[in-house]
Amino acid sequence: MKLNLGLLAIALQATAAVSAATGGGSILARGKECARQPYGCSKDGYCWKTCGQGGEWCWSAYENGTGSWKTCGTAEDCNPASDEADKVACATGGCDTCGCSC
């Protein structure tokens, strides 16, 4: 059996990139897998936070959940400590990914 070192290097780089991108569960894709952290920033740059006991989460939106989604560059931009002052809540409305679930 011949070992292709080039393919092995690519596979290792891809594994490291996925691991870094999901570090600590703070970055979620647009899918609805359950959260492991209390809040975070998606790879698309939107804030999310947990809203249930079993890892359920929701996208964060201004105007008490009816406005624009809260954007972020890092998970700390999404810290819910400022949510009340900023009038941020779980996104509600007609979008497919609104509401609290996983």
N, C-alpha and C. Protein backbone atom coordinates (compact mmCIF):
# COMPACT_ATOMS: atom_id res chain seq x y z
N MET A 1 0.85 -1.18 0.00
CA MET A 1 0.00 0.00 0.00
C MET A 1 0.89 1.24 0.00
N LYS A 2 0.61 2.15 -0.87
CA LYS A 2 1.38 3.38 -1.01
C LYS A 2 0.69 4.51 -0.25
N LEU A 3 1.43 5.25 0.52
CA LEU A 3 0.88 6.37 1.30
C LEU A 3 1.09 7.66 0.52
N ASN A 4 0.03 8.37 0.26
CA ASN A 4 0.10 9.63 -0.45
C ASN A 4 0.21 10.75 0.59
N LEU A 5 1.42 11.25 0.80
CA LEU A 5 1.64 12.27 1.83
C LEU A 5 0.92 13.57 1.53
N GLY A 6 0.74 13.89 0.26
CA GLY A 6 0.02 15.11 -0.10
C GLY A 6 -1.43 15.06 0.36
N LEU A 7 -2.09 13.92 0.13
CA LEU A 7 -3.49 13.76 0.57
C LEU A 7 -3.58 13.74 2.09
N LEU A 8 -2.61 13.11 2.74
CA LEU A 8 -2.60 13.08 4.20
C LEU A 8 -2.48 14.50 4.76
N ALA A 9 -1.62 15.31 4.19
CA ALA A 9 -1.44 16.69 4.65
C ALA A 9 -2.72 17.50 4.47
N ILE A 10 -3.40 17.32 3.34
CA ILE A 10 -4.65 18.04 3.09
C ILE A 10 -5.71 17.61 4.10
N ALA A 11 -5.80 16.31 4.37
CA ALA A 11 -6.79 15.81 5.34
C ALA A 11 -6.52 16.38 6.72
N LEU A 12 -5.26 16.43 7.13
CA LEU A 12 -4.92 16.97 8.45
C LEU A 12 -5.23 18.46 8.53
N GLN A 13 -4.97 19.21 7.47
CA GLN A 13 -5.29 20.63 7.46
C GLN A 13 -6.78 20.85 7.55
N ALA A 14 -7.56 20.07 6.83
CA ALA A 14 -9.03 20.21 6.87
C ALA A 14 -9.56 19.90 8.25
N THR A 15 -9.03 18.86 8.90
CA THR A 15 -9.46 18.51 10.25
C THR A 15 -9.14 19.64 11.22
N ALA A 16 -7.96 20.21 11.11
CA ALA A 16 -7.57 21.31 11.99
C ALA A 16 -8.45 22.53 11.76
N ALA A 17 -8.79 22.81 10.51
CA ALA A 17 -9.63 23.97 10.21
C ALA A 17 -11.03 23.80 10.78
N VAL A 18 -11.60 22.60 10.65
CA VAL A 18 -12.93 22.36 11.20
C VAL A 18 -12.89 22.46 12.71
N SER A 19 -11.86 21.90 13.32
CA SER A 19 -11.72 21.97 14.78
C SER A 19 -11.61 23.41 15.25
N ALA A 20 -10.84 24.23 14.57
CA ALA A 20 -10.69 25.64 14.95
C ALA A 20 -11.98 26.40 14.75
N ALA A 21 -12.70 26.11 13.69
CA ALA A 21 -13.93 26.84 13.39
C ALA A 21 -15.04 26.53 14.38
N THR A 22 -15.02 25.34 14.97
CA THR A 22 -16.08 24.98 15.90
C THR A 22 -15.60 25.01 17.34
N GLY A 23 -14.44 25.59 17.59
CA GLY A 23 -13.85 25.61 18.91
C GLY A 23 -14.82 25.96 20.02
N GLY A 24 -15.04 25.03 20.92
CA GLY A 24 -15.89 25.26 22.07
C GLY A 24 -17.36 25.41 21.73
N GLY A 25 -17.75 25.13 20.53
CA GLY A 25 -19.16 25.28 20.16
C GLY A 25 -19.60 26.71 20.01
N SER A 26 -18.66 27.65 19.93
CA SER A 26 -19.05 29.05 19.88
C SER A 26 -19.41 29.53 18.48
N ILE A 27 -19.16 28.72 17.48
CA ILE A 27 -19.49 29.12 16.12
C ILE A 27 -20.40 28.06 15.52
N LEU A 28 -21.63 28.40 15.26
CA LEU A 28 -22.58 27.46 14.68
C LEU A 28 -22.81 27.76 13.22
N ALA A 29 -23.02 26.74 12.46
CA ALA A 29 -23.43 26.92 11.07
C ALA A 29 -24.91 27.29 11.06
N ARG A 30 -25.47 27.49 9.91
CA ARG A 30 -26.88 27.85 9.83
C ARG A 30 -27.81 26.70 10.21
N GLY A 31 -27.28 25.48 10.31
CA GLY A 31 -28.08 24.34 10.74
C GLY A 31 -28.49 24.51 12.19
N LYS A 32 -29.30 23.61 12.70
CA LYS A 32 -29.78 23.75 14.07
C LYS A 32 -29.27 22.64 14.97
N GLU A 33 -27.96 22.37 14.98
CA GLU A 33 -27.43 21.44 15.95
C GLU A 33 -27.52 22.08 17.33
N CYS A 34 -27.51 21.27 18.38
CA CYS A 34 -27.65 21.81 19.73
C CYS A 34 -26.37 22.52 20.16
N ALA A 35 -26.52 23.56 20.94
CA ALA A 35 -25.39 24.37 21.41
C ALA A 35 -24.75 23.75 22.64
N ARG A 36 -23.46 23.97 22.78
CA ARG A 36 -22.73 23.53 23.96
C ARG A 36 -22.25 24.70 24.80
N GLN A 37 -22.38 25.90 24.26
CA GLN A 37 -21.98 27.12 24.95
C GLN A 37 -23.22 27.99 25.12
N PRO A 38 -23.20 28.95 26.05
CA PRO A 38 -24.38 29.78 26.27
C PRO A 38 -24.67 30.79 25.16
N TYR A 39 -23.66 31.15 24.37
CA TYR A 39 -23.85 32.09 23.27
C TYR A 39 -22.66 31.99 22.33
N GLY A 40 -22.79 32.59 21.14
CA GLY A 40 -21.69 32.55 20.21
C GLY A 40 -21.96 33.34 18.94
N CYS A 41 -21.01 33.24 18.03
CA CYS A 41 -21.04 33.95 16.75
C CYS A 41 -20.97 32.91 15.64
N SER A 42 -21.92 32.92 14.73
CA SER A 42 -21.93 31.94 13.65
C SER A 42 -20.82 32.25 12.65
N LYS A 43 -20.51 31.28 11.80
CA LYS A 43 -19.49 31.51 10.78
C LYS A 43 -19.94 32.57 9.79
N ASP A 44 -21.24 32.84 9.73
CA ASP A 44 -21.79 33.89 8.86
C ASP A 44 -21.79 35.26 9.53
N GLY A 45 -21.40 35.32 10.82
CA GLY A 45 -21.32 36.60 11.52
C GLY A 45 -22.59 37.05 12.20
N TYR A 46 -23.40 36.09 12.69
CA TYR A 46 -24.63 36.44 13.42
C TYR A 46 -24.59 35.84 14.82
N CYS A 47 -25.12 36.59 15.78
CA CYS A 47 -25.15 36.14 17.17
C CYS A 47 -26.26 35.13 17.41
N TRP A 48 -26.00 34.20 18.31
CA TRP A 48 -27.00 33.25 18.77
C TRP A 48 -26.81 33.08 20.27
N LYS A 49 -27.84 32.57 20.93
CA LYS A 49 -27.74 32.30 22.37
C LYS A 49 -28.66 31.13 22.72
N THR A 50 -28.33 30.46 23.82
CA THR A 50 -29.18 29.36 24.25
C THR A 50 -30.47 29.92 24.83
N CYS A 51 -31.52 29.13 24.68
CA CYS A 51 -32.84 29.57 25.15
C CYS A 51 -33.61 28.42 25.78
N GLY A 52 -32.98 27.29 25.97
CA GLY A 52 -33.64 26.13 26.58
C GLY A 52 -32.65 25.33 27.39
N GLN A 53 -33.13 24.32 28.06
CA GLN A 53 -32.30 23.51 28.95
C GLN A 53 -31.47 22.45 28.23
N GLY A 54 -31.87 22.05 27.04
CA GLY A 54 -31.21 20.95 26.34
C GLY A 54 -30.32 21.38 25.20
N GLY A 55 -29.79 22.58 25.23
CA GLY A 55 -28.94 23.06 24.15
C GLY A 55 -29.70 23.78 23.05
N GLU A 56 -31.03 23.96 23.23
CA GLU A 56 -31.80 24.72 22.24
C GLU A 56 -31.25 26.13 22.18
N TRP A 57 -31.30 26.73 20.99
CA TRP A 57 -30.75 28.07 20.83
C TRP A 57 -31.57 28.83 19.80
N CYS A 58 -31.30 30.14 19.75
CA CYS A 58 -32.01 31.00 18.79
C CYS A 58 -31.04 32.06 18.27
N TRP A 59 -31.38 32.62 17.13
CA TRP A 59 -30.63 33.76 16.59
C TRP A 59 -31.04 34.99 17.39
N SER A 60 -30.11 35.89 17.66
CA SER A 60 -30.39 37.11 18.42
C SER A 60 -30.79 38.23 17.46
N ALA A 61 -31.85 38.95 17.81
CA ALA A 61 -32.33 40.05 16.96
C ALA A 61 -32.67 41.26 17.81
N TYR A 62 -32.46 42.44 17.25
CA TYR A 62 -32.80 43.70 17.93
C TYR A 62 -34.31 43.89 17.98
N GLU A 63 -34.73 44.98 18.60
CA GLU A 63 -36.14 45.35 18.74
C GLU A 63 -36.95 44.20 19.35
N ASN A 64 -36.37 43.62 20.43
CA ASN A 64 -37.01 42.53 21.17
C ASN A 64 -37.33 41.32 20.31
N GLY A 65 -36.48 41.05 19.32
CA GLY A 65 -36.61 39.86 18.49
C GLY A 65 -37.25 40.07 17.14
N THR A 66 -37.77 41.26 16.88
CA THR A 66 -38.46 41.49 15.60
C THR A 66 -37.63 42.29 14.60
N GLY A 67 -36.49 42.80 15.02
CA GLY A 67 -35.66 43.64 14.15
C GLY A 67 -34.57 42.86 13.45
N SER A 68 -33.54 43.58 13.05
CA SER A 68 -32.39 42.99 12.37
C SER A 68 -31.66 42.04 13.30
N TRP A 69 -31.08 41.00 12.72
CA TRP A 69 -30.30 40.07 13.52
C TRP A 69 -29.01 40.76 13.97
N LYS A 70 -28.58 40.45 15.18
CA LYS A 70 -27.36 41.03 15.75
C LYS A 70 -26.15 40.39 15.07
N THR A 71 -25.24 41.23 14.59
CA THR A 71 -24.05 40.74 13.89
C THR A 71 -22.85 40.70 14.83
N CYS A 72 -21.83 39.95 14.42
CA CYS A 72 -20.66 39.76 15.28
C CYS A 72 -19.42 39.42 14.47
N GLY A 73 -18.29 39.61 15.12
CA GLY A 73 -17.01 39.18 14.58
C GLY A 73 -16.42 38.07 15.43
N THR A 74 -16.76 38.11 16.73
CA THR A 74 -16.32 37.08 17.68
C THR A 74 -17.47 36.75 18.61
N ALA A 75 -17.33 35.67 19.36
CA ALA A 75 -18.37 35.26 20.30
C ALA A 75 -18.62 36.33 21.36
N GLU A 76 -17.58 37.03 21.78
CA GLU A 76 -17.76 38.06 22.81
C GLU A 76 -18.68 39.19 22.36
N ASP A 77 -18.78 39.43 21.07
CA ASP A 77 -19.72 40.44 20.56
C ASP A 77 -21.16 40.05 20.87
N CYS A 78 -21.38 38.79 21.19
CA CYS A 78 -22.73 38.26 21.40
C CYS A 78 -23.07 38.03 22.87
N ASN A 79 -22.21 38.47 23.76
CA ASN A 79 -22.44 38.27 25.19
C ASN A 79 -23.81 38.81 25.57
N PRO A 80 -24.70 37.96 26.10
CA PRO A 80 -26.06 38.40 26.40
C PRO A 80 -26.17 39.38 27.57
N ALA A 81 -25.06 39.72 28.21
CA ALA A 81 -25.10 40.68 29.32
C ALA A 81 -25.66 42.03 28.88
N SER A 82 -25.48 42.39 27.62
CA SER A 82 -25.97 43.69 27.13
C SER A 82 -27.31 43.58 26.41
N ASP A 83 -27.89 42.39 26.35
CA ASP A 83 -29.12 42.19 25.58
C ASP A 83 -30.28 43.06 26.03
N GLU A 84 -30.48 43.20 27.33
CA GLU A 84 -31.62 43.99 27.81
C GLU A 84 -31.48 45.45 27.39
N ALA A 85 -30.30 46.02 27.59
CA ALA A 85 -30.07 47.42 27.22
C ALA A 85 -30.18 47.62 25.70
N ASP A 86 -29.73 46.64 24.93
CA ASP A 86 -29.77 46.73 23.47
C ASP A 86 -31.10 46.26 22.88
N LYS A 87 -32.03 45.82 23.74
CA LYS A 87 -33.33 45.28 23.32
C LYS A 87 -33.16 44.12 22.34
N VAL A 88 -32.27 43.18 22.73
CA VAL A 88 -32.01 41.99 21.92
C VAL A 88 -32.74 40.81 22.54
N ALA A 89 -33.39 40.01 21.70
CA ALA A 89 -34.10 38.80 22.14
C ALA A 89 -34.02 37.77 21.03
N CYS A 90 -34.58 36.60 21.28
CA CYS A 90 -34.63 35.56 20.25
C CYS A 90 -35.42 36.07 19.05
N ALA A 91 -34.89 35.82 17.86
CA ALA A 91 -35.55 36.25 16.62
C ALA A 91 -36.92 35.58 16.50
N THR A 92 -37.91 36.39 16.16
CA THR A 92 -39.27 35.88 15.94
C THR A 92 -39.70 36.31 14.55
N GLY A 93 -40.78 35.79 14.08
CA GLY A 93 -41.27 36.20 12.77
C GLY A 93 -41.40 35.04 11.82
N GLY A 94 -41.39 35.35 10.55
CA GLY A 94 -41.67 34.36 9.53
C GLY A 94 -40.47 33.61 8.98
N CYS A 95 -39.30 33.74 9.57
CA CYS A 95 -38.14 33.05 8.99
C CYS A 95 -38.12 31.58 9.41
N ASP A 96 -37.56 30.74 8.55
CA ASP A 96 -37.50 29.30 8.81
C ASP A 96 -36.64 28.96 10.03
N THR A 97 -35.66 29.79 10.33
CA THR A 97 -34.75 29.49 11.44
C THR A 97 -35.03 30.32 12.68
N CYS A 98 -36.17 30.99 12.74
CA CYS A 98 -36.53 31.76 13.94
C CYS A 98 -37.04 30.81 15.02
N GLY A 99 -37.01 31.29 16.24
CA GLY A 99 -37.50 30.50 17.36
C GLY A 99 -36.39 29.76 18.07
N CYS A 100 -36.76 29.03 19.10
CA CYS A 100 -35.82 28.33 19.97
C CYS A 100 -35.91 26.83 19.70
N SER A 101 -34.83 26.26 19.17
CA SER A 101 -34.82 24.81 18.91
C SER A 101 -33.41 24.34 18.63
N CYS A 102 -33.27 23.06 18.43
CA CYS A 102 -32.02 22.46 17.93
C CYS A 102 -32.33 21.12 17.33
